[in-house]
PDB file of N, CA and C in Angstrom:
ATOM      1  N   SER A   1       0.839  -1.193   0.000  1.00  0.00           N
ATOM      2  CA  SER A   1       0.000   0.000   0.000  1.00  0.00           C
ATOM      3  C   SER A   1       0.881   1.253   0.000  1.00  0.00           C
ATOM      4  N   LEU A   2       0.278   2.341  -0.331  1.00  0.00           N
ATOM      5  CA  LEU A   2       0.999   3.612  -0.396  1.00  0.00           C
ATOM      6  C   LEU A   2       1.515   4.031   0.983  1.00  0.00           C
ATOM      7  N   ALA A   3       0.688   3.827   2.011  1.00  0.00           N
ATOM      8  CA  ALA A   3       1.109   4.189   3.371  1.00  0.00           C
ATOM      9  C   ALA A   3       2.302   3.344   3.813  1.00  0.00           C
ATOM     10  N   ALA A   4       2.235   2.052   3.548  1.00  0.00           N
ATOM     11  CA  ALA A   4       3.336   1.162   3.938  1.00  0.00           C
ATOM     12  C   ALA A   4       4.627   1.537   3.224  1.00  0.00           C
ATOM     13  N   GLU A   5       4.526   1.899   1.956  1.00  0.00           N
ATOM     14  CA  GLU A   5       5.714   2.317   1.205  1.00  0.00           C
ATOM     15  C   GLU A   5       6.302   3.599   1.789  1.00  0.00           C
ATOM     16  N   GLY A   6       5.433   4.537   2.166  1.00  0.00           N
ATOM     17  CA  GLY A   6       5.902   5.781   2.766  1.00  0.00           C
ATOM     18  C   GLY A   6       6.594   5.554   4.097  1.00  0.00           C
ATOM     19  N   ILE A   7       6.018   4.680   4.908  1.00  0.00           N
ATOM     20  CA  ILE A   7       6.625   4.356   6.197  1.00  0.00           C
ATOM     21  C   ILE A   7       7.972   3.673   5.994  1.00  0.00           C
ATOM     22  N   GLN A   8       8.029   2.758   5.045  1.00  0.00           N
ATOM     23  CA  GLN A   8       9.291   2.060   4.765  1.00  0.00           C
ATOM     24  C   GLN A   8      10.363   3.037   4.305  1.00  0.00           C
ATOM     25  N   GLU A   9       9.970   4.023   3.514  1.00  0.00           N
ATOM     26  CA  GLU A   9      10.921   5.041   3.043  1.00  0.00           C
ATOM     27  C   GLU A   9      11.501   5.825   4.212  1.00  0.00           C
ATOM     28  N   ILE A  10      10.659   6.154   5.184  1.00  0.00           N
ATOM     29  CA  ILE A  10      11.129   6.869   6.374  1.00  0.00           C
ATOM     30  C   ILE A  10      12.079   5.991   7.183  1.00  0.00           C
ATOM     31  N   VAL A  11      11.698   4.732   7.381  1.00  0.00           N
ATOM     32  CA  VAL A  11      12.550   3.803   8.134  1.00  0.00           C
ATOM     33  C   VAL A  11      13.897   3.628   7.434  1.00  0.00           C
ATOM     34  N   ASP A  12      13.878   3.518   6.118  1.00  0.00           N
ATOM     35  CA  ASP A  12      15.122   3.362   5.361  1.00  0.00           C
ATOM     36  C   ASP A  12      16.015   4.597   5.471  1.00  0.00           C
ATOM     37  N   GLY A  13      15.423   5.760   5.691  1.00  0.00           N
ATOM     38  CA  GLY A  13      16.192   6.996   5.802  1.00  0.00           C
ATOM     39  C   GLY A  13      16.558   7.359   7.226  1.00  0.00           C
ATOM     40  N   LYS A  14      16.412   6.418   8.152  1.00  0.00           N
ATOM     41  CA  LYS A  14      16.657   6.672   9.571  1.00  0.00           C
ATOM     42  C   LYS A  14      18.046   7.238   9.840  1.00  0.00           C
ATOM     43  N   ASP A  15      19.057   6.701   9.189  1.00  0.00           N
ATOM     44  CA  ASP A  15      20.423   7.170   9.429  1.00  0.00           C
ATOM     45  C   ASP A  15      20.585   8.633   9.029  1.00  0.00           C
ATOM     46  N   LYS A  16      20.004   9.021   7.911  1.00  0.00           N
ATOM     47  CA  LYS A  16      20.084  10.413   7.454  1.00  0.00           C
ATOM     48  C   LYS A  16      19.336  11.336   8.416  1.00  0.00           C
ATOM     49  N   ILE A  17      18.170  10.894   8.893  1.00  0.00           N
ATOM     50  CA  ILE A  17      17.396  11.686   9.847  1.00  0.00           C
ATOM     51  C   ILE A  17      18.181  11.857  11.142  1.00  0.00           C
ATOM     52  N   GLU A  18      18.803  10.783  11.610  1.00  0.00           N
ATOM     53  CA  GLU A  18      19.609  10.849  12.833  1.00  0.00           C
ATOM     54  C   GLU A  18      20.791  11.803  12.663  1.00  0.00           C
ATOM     55  N   GLU A  19      21.430  11.753  11.518  1.00  0.00           N
ATOM     56  CA  GLU A  19      22.560  12.644  11.224  1.00  0.00           C
ATOM     57  C   GLU A  19      22.118  14.111  11.251  1.00  0.00           C
ATOM     58  N   LEU A  20      20.982  14.408  10.626  1.00  0.00           N
ATOM     59  CA  LEU A  20      20.473  15.784  10.609  1.00  0.00           C
ATOM     60  C   LEU A  20      20.069  16.245  12.007  1.00  0.00           C
ATOM     61  N   ALA A  21      19.461  15.356  12.779  1.00  0.00           N
ATOM     62  CA  ALA A  21      19.068  15.703  14.143  1.00  0.00           C
ATOM     63  C   ALA A  21      20.290  16.034  14.994  1.00  0.00           C
ATOM     64  N   LYS A  22      21.341  15.235  14.870  1.00  0.00           N
ATOM     65  CA  LYS A  22      22.564  15.508  15.630  1.00  0.00           C
ATOM     66  C   LYS A  22      23.200  16.825  15.209  1.00  0.00           C
ATOM     67  N   LYS A  23      23.128  17.132  13.930  1.00  0.00           N
ATOM     68  CA  LYS A  23      23.751  18.354  13.421  1.00  0.00           C
ATOM     69  C   LYS A  23      22.984  19.605  13.841  1.00  0.00           C
ATOM     70  N   TYR A  24      21.649  19.557  13.777  1.00  0.00           N
ATOM     71  CA  TYR A  24      20.860  20.767  13.985  1.00  0.00           C
ATOM     72  C   TYR A  24      20.142  20.843  15.326  1.00  0.00           C
ATOM     73  N   LEU A  25      19.711  19.726  15.893  1.00  0.00           N
ATOM     74  CA  LEU A  25      18.932  19.786  17.125  1.00  0.00           C
ATOM     75  C   LEU A  25      19.774  19.690  18.383  1.00  0.00           C
ATOM     76  N   VAL A  26      20.799  18.869  18.370  1.00  0.00           N
ATOM     77  CA  VAL A  26      21.599  18.684  19.583  1.00  0.00           C
ATOM     78  C   VAL A  26      22.189  20.004  20.084  1.00  0.00           C
ATOM     79  N   PRO A  27      22.773  20.839  19.214  1.00  0.00           N
ATOM     80  CA  PRO A  27      23.332  22.091  19.727  1.00  0.00           C
ATOM     81  C   PRO A  27      22.293  23.200  19.936  1.00  0.00           C
ATOM     82  N   SER A  28      21.031  22.948  19.618  1.00  0.00           N
ATOM     83  CA  SER A  28      20.003  23.993  19.671  1.00  0.00           C
ATOM     84  C   SER A  28      19.398  24.125  21.055  1.00  0.00           C
ATOM     85  N   ARG A  29      19.019  25.340  21.375  1.00  0.00           N
ATOM     86  CA  ARG A  29      18.288  25.595  22.608  1.00  0.00           C
ATOM     87  C   ARG A  29      16.822  25.871  22.330  1.00  0.00           C
ATOM     88  N   ASN A  30      16.480  26.188  21.072  1.00  0.00           N
ATOM     89  CA  ASN A  30      15.108  26.520  20.688  1.00  0.00           C
ATOM     90  C   ASN A  30      14.774  25.883  19.351  1.00  0.00           C
ATOM     91  N   ALA A  31      13.498  25.581  19.154  1.00  0.00           N
ATOM     92  CA  ALA A  31      13.042  25.076  17.859  1.00  0.00           C
ATOM     93  C   ALA A  31      11.630  25.595  17.614  1.00  0.00           C
ATOM     94  N   PHE A  32      11.330  25.911  16.368  1.00  0.00           N
ATOM     95  CA  PHE A  32      10.005  26.373  15.978  1.00  0.00           C
ATOM     96  C   PHE A  32       9.471  25.484  14.869  1.00  0.00           C
ATOM     97  N   TYR A  33       8.224  25.087  14.999  1.00  0.00           N
ATOM     98  CA  TYR A  33       7.520  24.376  13.937  1.00  0.00           C
ATOM     99  C   TYR A  33       6.473  25.332  13.394  1.00  0.00           C
ATOM    100  N   ILE A  34       6.362  25.409  12.092  1.00  0.00           N
ATOM    101  CA  ILE A  34       5.428  26.327  11.447  1.00  0.00           C
ATOM    102  C   ILE A  34       4.507  25.519  10.551  1.00  0.00           C
ATOM    103  N   GLY A  35       3.193  25.716  10.707  1.00  0.00           N
ATOM    104  CA  GLY A  35       2.224  25.011   9.880  1.00  0.00           C
ATOM    105  C   GLY A  35       1.136  25.952   9.403  1.00  0.00           C
ATOM    106  N   ARG A  36       0.572  25.630   8.262  1.00  0.00           N
ATOM    107  CA  ARG A  36      -0.502  26.437   7.676  1.00  0.00           C
ATOM    108  C   ARG A  36      -1.730  25.556   7.521  1.00  0.00           C
ATOM    109  N   GLY A  37      -2.889  26.070   7.906  1.00  0.00           N
ATOM    110  CA  GLY A  37      -4.121  25.300   7.793  1.00  0.00           C
ATOM    111  C   GLY A  37      -4.084  24.088   8.710  1.00  0.00           C
ATOM    112  N   ILE A  38      -4.413  22.927   8.157  1.00  0.00           N
ATOM    113  CA  ILE A  38      -4.429  21.694   8.946  1.00  0.00           C
ATOM    114  C   ILE A  38      -3.039  21.358   9.489  1.00  0.00           C
ATOM    115  N   ASP A  39      -2.005  21.826   8.809  1.00  0.00           N
ATOM    116  CA  ASP A  39      -0.638  21.556   9.268  1.00  0.00           C
ATOM    117  C   ASP A  39      -0.280  22.329  10.532  1.00  0.00           C
ATOM    118  N   HIS A  40      -1.099  23.302  10.905  1.00  0.00           N
ATOM    119  CA  HIS A  40      -0.873  23.996  12.168  1.00  0.00           C
ATOM    120  C   HIS A  40      -0.979  22.999  13.322  1.00  0.00           C
ATOM    121  N   ALA A  41      -1.966  22.113  13.264  1.00  0.00           N
ATOM    122  CA  ALA A  41      -2.118  21.090  14.303  1.00  0.00           C
ATOM    123  C   ALA A  41      -0.913  20.149  14.320  1.00  0.00           C
ATOM    124  N   VAL A  42      -0.399  19.818  13.151  1.00  0.00           N
ATOM    125  CA  VAL A  42       0.796  18.966  13.059  1.00  0.00           C
ATOM    126  C   VAL A  42       1.988  19.679  13.687  1.00  0.00           C
ATOM    127  N   ALA A  43       2.130  20.969  13.426  1.00  0.00           N
ATOM    128  CA  ALA A  43       3.228  21.748  14.002  1.00  0.00           C
ATOM    129  C   ALA A  43       3.133  21.782  15.526  1.00  0.00           C
ATOM    130  N   MET A  44       1.931  21.961  16.038  1.00  0.00           N
ATOM    131  CA  MET A  44       1.749  21.993  17.490  1.00  0.00           C
ATOM    132  C   MET A  44       2.098  20.639  18.124  1.00  0.00           C
ATOM    133  N   GLU A  45       1.643  19.560  17.504  1.00  0.00           N
ATOM    134  CA  GLU A  45       1.918  18.222  18.039  1.00  0.00           C
ATOM    135  C   GLU A  45       3.401  17.879  17.938  1.00  0.00           C
ATOM    136  N   ALA A  46       4.033  18.228  16.823  1.00  0.00           N
ATOM    137  CA  ALA A  46       5.462  17.959  16.657  1.00  0.00           C
ATOM    138  C   ALA A  46       6.272  18.731  17.697  1.00  0.00           C
ATOM    139  N   ALA A  47       5.882  19.972  17.949  1.00  0.00           N
ATOM    140  CA  ALA A  47       6.572  20.771  18.960  1.00  0.00           C
ATOM    141  C   ALA A  47       6.434  20.133  20.338  1.00  0.00           C
ATOM    142  N   LEU A  48       5.247  19.665  20.648  1.00  0.00           N
ATOM    143  CA  LEU A  48       5.024  19.010  21.938  1.00  0.00           C
ATOM    144  C   LEU A  48       5.884  17.758  22.075  1.00  0.00           C
ATOM    145  N   LYS A  49       5.932  16.949  21.025  1.00  0.00           N
ATOM    146  CA  LYS A  49       6.723  15.714  21.083  1.00  0.00           C
ATOM    147  C   LYS A  49       8.209  16.008  21.261  1.00  0.00           C
ATOM    148  N   LEU A  50       8.729  16.977  20.513  1.00  0.00           N
ATOM    149  CA  LEU A  50      10.146  17.315  20.654  1.00  0.00           C
ATOM    150  C   LEU A  50      10.430  17.861  22.046  1.00  0.00           C
ATOM    151  N   LYS A  51       9.534  18.684  22.548  1.00  0.00           N
ATOM    152  CA  LYS A  51       9.699  19.248  23.887  1.00  0.00           C
ATOM    153  C   LYS A  51       9.730  18.139  24.938  1.00  0.00           C
ATOM    154  N   GLU A  52       8.867  17.146  24.789  1.00  0.00           N
ATOM    155  CA  GLU A  52       8.789  16.058  25.765  1.00  0.00           C
ATOM    156  C   GLU A  52      10.029  15.171  25.770  1.00  0.00           C
ATOM    157  N   VAL A  53      10.615  14.925  24.614  1.00  0.00           N
ATOM    158  CA  VAL A  53      11.741  13.985  24.565  1.00  0.00           C
ATOM    159  C   VAL A  53      13.106  14.644  24.689  1.00  0.00           C
ATOM    160  N   SER A  54      13.185  15.966  24.469  1.00  0.00           N
ATOM    161  CA  SER A  54      14.509  16.587  24.426  1.00  0.00           C
ATOM    162  C   SER A  54      14.700  17.713  25.430  1.00  0.00           C
ATOM    163  N   TYR A  55      13.617  18.225  25.972  1.00  0.00           N
ATOM    164  CA  TYR A  55      13.662  19.387  26.857  1.00  0.00           C
ATOM    165  C   TYR A  55      14.215  20.625  26.162  1.00  0.00           C
ATOM    166  N   ILE A  56      14.145  20.660  24.831  1.00  0.00           N
ATOM    167  CA  ILE A  56      14.466  21.863  24.063  1.00  0.00           C
ATOM    168  C   ILE A  56      13.228  22.750  24.081  1.00  0.00           C
ATOM    169  N   GLN A  57      13.397  24.044  24.293  1.00  0.00           N
ATOM    170  CA  GLN A  57      12.267  24.966  24.261  1.00  0.00           C
ATOM    171  C   GLN A  57      11.738  24.992  22.832  1.00  0.00           C
ATOM    172  N   THR A  58      10.522  24.487  22.639  1.00  0.00           N
ATOM    173  CA  THR A  58       9.967  24.285  21.306  1.00  0.00           C
ATOM    174  C   THR A  58       8.547  24.812  21.246  1.00  0.00           C
ATOM    175  N   GLU A  59       8.205  25.497  20.158  1.00  0.00           N
ATOM    176  CA  GLU A  59       6.856  26.028  19.975  1.00  0.00           C
ATOM    177  C   GLU A  59       6.365  25.750  18.570  1.00  0.00           C
ATOM    178  N   GLY A  60       5.066  25.556  18.441  1.00  0.00           N
ATOM    179  CA  GLY A  60       4.426  25.428  17.140  1.00  0.00           C
ATOM    180  C   GLY A  60       3.626  26.685  16.857  1.00  0.00           C
ATOM    181  N   PHE A  61       3.666  27.160  15.631  1.00  0.00           N
ATOM    182  CA  PHE A  61       2.965  28.384  15.254  1.00  0.00           C
ATOM    183  C   PHE A  61       2.174  28.181  13.976  1.00  0.00           C
ATOM    184  N   ALA A  62       1.094  28.937  13.864  1.00  0.00           N
ATOM    185  CA  ALA A  62       0.397  29.048  12.583  1.00  0.00           C
ATOM    186  C   ALA A  62       1.233  29.979  11.710  1.00  0.00           C
ATOM    187  N   ALA A  63       1.346  29.666  10.438  1.00  0.00           N
ATOM    188  CA  ALA A  63       2.178  30.469   9.534  1.00  0.00           C
ATOM    189  C   ALA A  63       1.747  31.933   9.527  1.00  0.00           C
ATOM    190  N   ALA A  64       0.461  32.196   9.647  1.00  0.00           N
ATOM    191  CA  ALA A  64      -0.030  33.574   9.624  1.00  0.00           C
ATOM    192  C   ALA A  64       0.476  34.390  10.807  1.00  0.00           C
ATOM    193  N   GLU A  65       0.777  33.739  11.923  1.00  0.00           N
ATOM    194  CA  GLU A  65       1.279  34.464  13.091  1.00  0.00           C
ATOM    195  C   GLU A  65       2.629  35.114  12.823  1.00  0.00           C
ATOM    196  N   LEU A  66       3.389  34.562  11.907  1.00  0.00           N
ATOM    197  CA  LEU A  66       4.710  35.121  11.633  1.00  0.00           C
ATOM    198  C   LEU A  66       4.611  36.502  11.004  1.00  0.00           C
ATOM    199  N   LYS A  67       3.555  36.741  10.238  1.00  0.00           N
ATOM    200  CA  LYS A  67       3.381  38.047   9.601  1.00  0.00           C
ATOM    201  C   LYS A  67       2.591  39.018  10.474  1.00  0.00           C
ATOM    202  N   HIS A  68       1.657  38.486  11.275  1.00  0.00           N
ATOM    203  CA  HIS A  68       0.716  39.372  11.946  1.00  0.00           C
ATOM    204  C   HIS A  68       0.641  39.197  13.455  1.00  0.00           C
ATOM    205  N   GLY A  69       1.294  38.200  13.987  1.00  0.00           N
ATOM    206  CA  GLY A  69       1.055  37.867  15.383  1.00  0.00           C
ATOM    207  C   GLY A  69       2.185  38.185  16.320  1.00  0.00           C
ATOM    208  N   THR A  70       2.398  37.262  17.219  1.00  0.00           N
ATOM    209  CA  THR A  70       3.243  37.503  18.382  1.00  0.00           C
ATOM    210  C   THR A  70       4.705  37.768  18.069  1.00  0.00           C
ATOM    211  N   ILE A  71       5.245  37.225  16.994  1.00  0.00           N
ATOM    212  CA  ILE A  71       6.675  37.421  16.738  1.00  0.00           C
ATOM    213  C   ILE A  71       6.954  38.306  15.531  1.00  0.00           C
ATOM    214  N   SER A  72       5.965  39.091  15.112  1.00  0.00           N
ATOM    215  CA  SER A  72       6.199  39.984  13.963  1.00  0.00           C
ATOM    216  C   SER A  72       6.853  41.276  14.400  1.00  0.00           C
TER     217      SER A  72
END
């Protein structure tokens, strides 16, 4: 199925994902996830998961907030 193929592709790329995480997340103190529309919920959930496992200060934002909201 298409879903199984997508999951397998992610699993096969685990080493590359781990390499990128070590390069960019390990030295970081902050992380931002940005989502638009339905992806706003994905950004919020991803931020929560990263915050829970790494204790990095992480926030999820709606893309529109970047132009008009709290960090503009």
